[in-house]
């Protein structure tokens, strides 16, 4: 079983060291970021399971970091901040944070909050695994059989096209970055991978949307990535 990957976004070195030491001691994998820009880059590149985020960062407010990450990711975000006013907590939670821990915090409480998020993630994954068929409008994907259908007619997809379709469908409604997609499909993210991705996405789109008046299933976010739209 893969160990939980946690992104620690904290510019106070002693606090960051405390969190890293705690995570190491309890067998978590971790990434670190000292500012908002790096945090957004790490989140898009590695898609961490949980994000620990300080609001008072040197280059941007943590609220803006939450909003940017929420454009493509639903990873749980736990705020760890010295801001203790109710208005700060409400603003962070409204922006998309899942929990709020006020500094100074105890290691035991941090671990307890992480366990809560892990239970939520496990329940979500179990629910997803139980559903072996994905339906979106006239599109149907049978994950067990490894087949996809449009209006009950089987789509003849290449292995890469099928992997792309499955990745998008399992994250329906979320914007997936170029980096995240290429790492999941090819295992790395090089410059020429993005060019290849555009070609594969174009051919996949043609098969999904054969007619000019067809429903759009895949939305392009220029310079960012792609999203599968939930069709009513």
Protein backbone atom coordinates (compact mmCIF):
# COMPACT_ATOMS: atom_id res chain seq x y z
CA UNK A 1 0.00 0.00 0.00
CA UNK A 2 1.32 3.45 -0.91
CA UNK A 3 2.20 5.68 2.00
CA UNK A 4 0.29 8.95 2.26
CA UNK A 5 2.10 11.84 0.53
CA UNK A 6 1.85 15.17 2.36
CA UNK A 7 2.86 18.60 1.06
CA UNK A 8 4.10 20.86 3.89
CA UNK A 9 3.83 24.56 3.01
CA UNK A 10 5.54 26.51 5.79
CA UNK A 11 8.14 29.30 5.66
CA UNK A 12 9.00 29.17 9.38
CA UNK A 13 11.94 26.75 9.41
CA UNK A 14 11.57 25.50 13.04
CA UNK A 15 7.84 24.80 12.51
CA UNK A 16 8.56 23.11 9.19
CA UNK A 17 11.26 20.96 10.84
CA UNK A 18 8.83 19.96 13.60
CA UNK A 19 6.24 18.85 11.05
CA UNK A 20 8.80 16.97 8.93
CA UNK A 21 10.19 15.17 11.99
CA UNK A 22 6.66 14.20 13.01
CA UNK A 23 5.79 12.94 9.52
CA UNK A 24 9.04 10.95 9.27
CA UNK A 25 8.44 9.34 12.67
CA UNK A 26 4.97 8.18 11.59
CA UNK A 27 6.00 6.83 8.19
CA UNK A 28 4.50 9.54 5.97
CA UNK A 29 6.06 10.64 2.69
CA UNK A 30 6.41 14.41 2.36
CA UNK A 31 7.27 17.34 0.12
CA UNK A 32 8.07 20.87 1.30
CA UNK A 33 7.51 24.40 0.02
CA UNK A 34 8.61 27.68 1.60
CA UNK A 35 6.30 29.95 -0.43
CA UNK A 36 3.03 29.96 -2.34
CA UNK A 37 4.48 29.73 -5.85
CA UNK A 38 6.49 26.61 -4.98
CA UNK A 39 3.47 25.13 -3.18
CA UNK A 40 1.29 25.48 -6.29
CA UNK A 41 4.02 23.97 -8.48
CA UNK A 42 4.55 21.00 -6.12
CA UNK A 43 0.80 20.42 -5.81
CA UNK A 44 0.32 20.36 -9.59
CA UNK A 45 3.38 18.17 -10.21
CA UNK A 46 2.92 15.56 -7.47
CA UNK A 47 -0.79 15.67 -6.57
CA UNK A 48 -0.21 15.11 -2.82
CA UNK A 49 -2.81 13.23 -0.77
CA UNK A 50 -2.98 15.96 1.91
CA UNK A 51 -1.68 19.55 2.05
CA UNK A 52 -0.60 21.30 5.27
CA UNK A 53 -0.71 25.02 4.51
CA UNK A 54 0.40 28.10 6.42
CA UNK A 55 -1.54 31.25 5.51
CA UNK A 56 1.27 33.77 6.15
CA UNK A 57 3.60 33.07 3.24
CA UNK A 58 6.28 35.50 1.98
CA UNK A 59 5.07 35.82 -1.62
CA UNK A 60 1.27 35.46 -1.45
CA UNK A 61 -1.56 34.90 1.00
CA UNK A 62 -2.39 31.30 1.75
CA UNK A 63 -6.04 31.97 0.81
CA UNK A 64 -4.90 32.61 -2.78
CA UNK A 65 -2.92 29.36 -2.72
CA UNK A 66 -6.07 27.47 -1.68
CA UNK A 67 -8.12 29.06 -4.48
CA UNK A 68 -5.51 28.23 -7.14
CA UNK A 69 -5.09 24.61 -6.01
CA UNK A 70 -8.86 24.17 -5.88
CA UNK A 71 -9.13 24.92 -9.62
CA UNK A 72 -7.82 21.40 -10.32
CA UNK A 73 -7.45 19.47 -7.05
CA UNK A 74 -9.72 18.18 -4.28
CA UNK A 75 -6.84 17.05 -2.07
CA UNK A 76 -7.65 17.79 1.59
CA UNK A 77 -6.07 21.04 2.78
CA UNK A 78 -5.39 21.54 6.50
CA UNK A 79 -4.55 25.12 7.44
CA UNK A 80 -1.89 25.54 10.13
CA UNK A 81 -1.76 29.22 10.99
CA UNK A 82 -1.13 31.71 13.78
CA UNK A 83 -4.27 33.57 12.68
CA UNK A 84 -6.85 32.64 15.28
CA UNK A 85 -9.76 34.96 14.51
CA UNK A 86 -13.02 33.28 13.50
CA UNK A 87 -13.13 35.46 10.37
CA UNK A 88 -9.76 34.03 9.22
CA UNK A 89 -10.98 30.47 9.76
CA UNK A 90 -14.24 31.11 7.91
CA UNK A 91 -12.42 32.76 4.98
CA UNK A 92 -10.02 29.80 4.65
CA UNK A 93 -12.79 27.20 4.89
CA UNK A 94 -14.96 29.10 2.41
CA UNK A 95 -12.01 29.24 -0.02
CA UNK A 96 -11.81 25.44 0.03
CA UNK A 97 -9.77 24.38 3.06
CA UNK A 98 -10.96 21.25 4.87
CA UNK A 99 -9.66 21.89 8.39
CA UNK A 100 -7.97 24.60 10.47
CA UNK A 101 -5.33 24.14 13.15
CA UNK A 102 -4.14 27.18 15.12
CA UNK A 103 -0.49 27.67 16.12
CA UNK A 104 0.93 26.70 18.51
CA UNK A 105 -0.37 23.17 17.96
CA UNK A 106 0.40 19.83 19.55
CA UNK A 107 1.92 17.03 17.52
CA UNK A 108 -0.84 14.70 18.77
CA UNK A 109 -3.55 17.00 17.44
CA UNK A 110 -1.83 17.33 14.05
CA UNK A 111 -1.61 13.54 13.75
CA UNK A 112 -5.26 13.20 14.75
CA UNK A 113 -6.32 15.67 12.03
CA UNK A 114 -4.23 13.75 9.48
CA UNK A 115 -5.88 10.46 10.48
CA UNK A 116 -9.33 12.02 9.95
CA UNK A 117 -8.34 13.10 6.43
CA UNK A 118 -6.87 9.67 5.68
CA UNK A 119 -10.13 8.00 6.71
CA UNK A 120 -12.04 10.32 4.37
CA UNK A 121 -9.66 9.55 1.51
CA UNK A 122 -9.93 5.79 2.13
CA UNK A 123 -13.74 5.94 2.18
CA UNK A 124 -13.76 7.95 -1.05
CA UNK A 125 -11.41 5.51 -2.80
CA UNK A 126 -13.43 2.50 -1.64
CA UNK A 127 -16.63 4.08 -2.95
CA UNK A 128 -14.95 4.79 -6.26
CA UNK A 129 -13.60 1.24 -6.61
CA UNK A 130 -17.05 -0.22 -5.98
CA UNK A 131 -18.33 1.59 -9.06
CA UNK A 132 -16.76 -0.22 -12.02
CA UNK A 133 -18.88 1.56 -14.64
CA UNK A 134 -18.70 5.30 -15.35
CA UNK A 135 -21.58 7.03 -17.12
CA UNK A 136 -21.51 10.63 -18.33
CA UNK A 137 -24.29 11.58 -20.74
CA UNK A 138 -24.06 9.12 -23.65
CA UNK A 139 -20.54 8.08 -22.69
CA UNK A 140 -20.09 4.82 -20.76
CA UNK A 141 -16.79 3.35 -19.57
CA UNK A 142 -16.62 -0.20 -18.24
CA UNK A 143 -13.37 -0.14 -16.24
CA UNK A 144 -13.48 -3.89 -15.55
CA UNK A 145 -13.85 -4.83 -19.22
CA UNK A 146 -11.51 -2.07 -20.38
CA UNK A 147 -14.01 -0.75 -22.92
CA UNK A 148 -15.68 2.58 -23.63
CA UNK A 149 -18.95 3.20 -25.45
CA UNK A 150 -20.69 6.20 -27.00
CA UNK A 151 -24.44 5.71 -27.44
CA UNK A 152 -23.83 1.98 -26.81
CA UNK A 153 -21.42 1.81 -29.76
CA UNK A 154 -17.93 0.71 -28.73
CA UNK A 155 -15.22 3.31 -29.19
CA UNK A 156 -12.05 2.01 -30.84
CA UNK A 157 -9.41 3.69 -28.70
CA UNK A 158 -5.65 3.26 -28.62
CA UNK A 159 -4.16 2.22 -25.23
CA UNK A 160 -3.01 5.80 -24.58
CA UNK A 161 -6.41 7.26 -25.51
CA UNK A 162 -8.14 4.80 -23.18
CA UNK A 163 -5.76 5.63 -20.31
CA UNK A 164 -6.40 9.35 -20.87
CA UNK A 165 -10.16 8.81 -20.92
CA UNK A 166 -10.04 6.80 -17.68
CA UNK A 167 -7.82 9.39 -15.95
CA UNK A 168 -10.16 12.23 -16.92
CA UNK A 169 -13.31 10.29 -15.99
CA UNK A 170 -11.96 9.33 -12.57
CA UNK A 171 -11.39 13.04 -11.93
CA UNK A 172 -14.56 14.32 -13.62
CA UNK A 173 -15.12 18.02 -12.97
CA UNK A 174 -11.49 18.65 -11.97
CA UNK A 175 -8.91 20.45 -14.08
CA UNK A 176 -5.90 18.13 -14.47
CA UNK A 177 -2.63 19.90 -15.25
CA UNK A 178 -0.41 18.88 -18.16
CA UNK A 179 2.24 17.76 -15.65
CA UNK A 180 -0.19 15.61 -13.67
CA UNK A 181 -1.58 13.94 -16.80
CA UNK A 182 1.78 13.22 -18.44
CA UNK A 183 3.24 11.80 -15.22
CA UNK A 184 0.23 9.50 -14.85
CA UNK A 185 0.25 8.38 -18.49
CA UNK A 186 3.97 8.18 -19.28
CA UNK A 187 5.54 8.19 -15.81
CA UNK A 188 7.42 11.44 -16.42
CA UNK A 189 6.78 14.97 -17.61
CA UNK A 190 9.16 16.19 -20.28
CA UNK A 191 8.60 19.09 -22.64
CA UNK A 192 7.85 16.89 -25.65
CA UNK A 193 5.31 14.90 -23.56
CA UNK A 194 2.99 17.93 -23.54
CA UNK A 195 3.14 18.12 -27.34
CA UNK A 196 2.31 14.38 -27.55
CA UNK A 197 -0.51 14.89 -25.06
CA UNK A 198 -2.11 17.54 -27.29
CA UNK A 199 -2.08 15.13 -30.23
CA UNK A 200 -3.64 12.28 -28.24
CA UNK A 201 -6.27 14.59 -26.74
CA UNK A 202 -7.21 15.82 -30.22
CA UNK A 203 -7.71 12.27 -31.54
CA UNK A 204 -9.63 11.24 -28.41
CA UNK A 205 -11.89 14.27 -28.79
CA UNK A 206 -12.68 13.38 -32.40
CA UNK A 207 -13.83 9.93 -31.32
CA UNK A 208 -15.96 11.31 -28.48
CA UNK A 209 -17.38 14.25 -30.39
CA UNK A 210 -17.81 12.98 -33.96
CA UNK A 211 -20.39 15.60 -34.96
CA UNK A 212 -19.97 19.36 -34.79
CA UNK A 213 -23.10 19.59 -32.64
CA UNK A 214 -21.94 16.80 -30.27
CA UNK A 215 -21.82 17.35 -26.54
CA UNK A 216 -18.41 18.57 -25.40
CA UNK A 217 -16.89 16.09 -22.92
CA UNK A 218 -13.34 17.43 -22.66
CA UNK A 219 -12.65 21.07 -21.91
CA UNK A 220 -9.26 22.65 -22.61
CA UNK A 221 -7.80 25.08 -20.08
CA UNK A 222 -5.16 26.85 -22.15
CA UNK A 223 -1.72 26.69 -20.58
CA UNK A 224 -3.00 24.56 -17.68
CA UNK A 225 -4.53 21.27 -18.75
CA UNK A 226 -7.84 19.51 -19.38
CA UNK A 227 -11.10 18.72 -17.60
CA UNK A 228 -13.87 16.22 -18.28
CA UNK A 229 -17.22 17.92 -18.00
CA UNK A 230 -20.11 16.29 -16.16
CA UNK A 231 -22.87 16.14 -18.75
CA UNK A 232 -26.41 16.60 -17.42
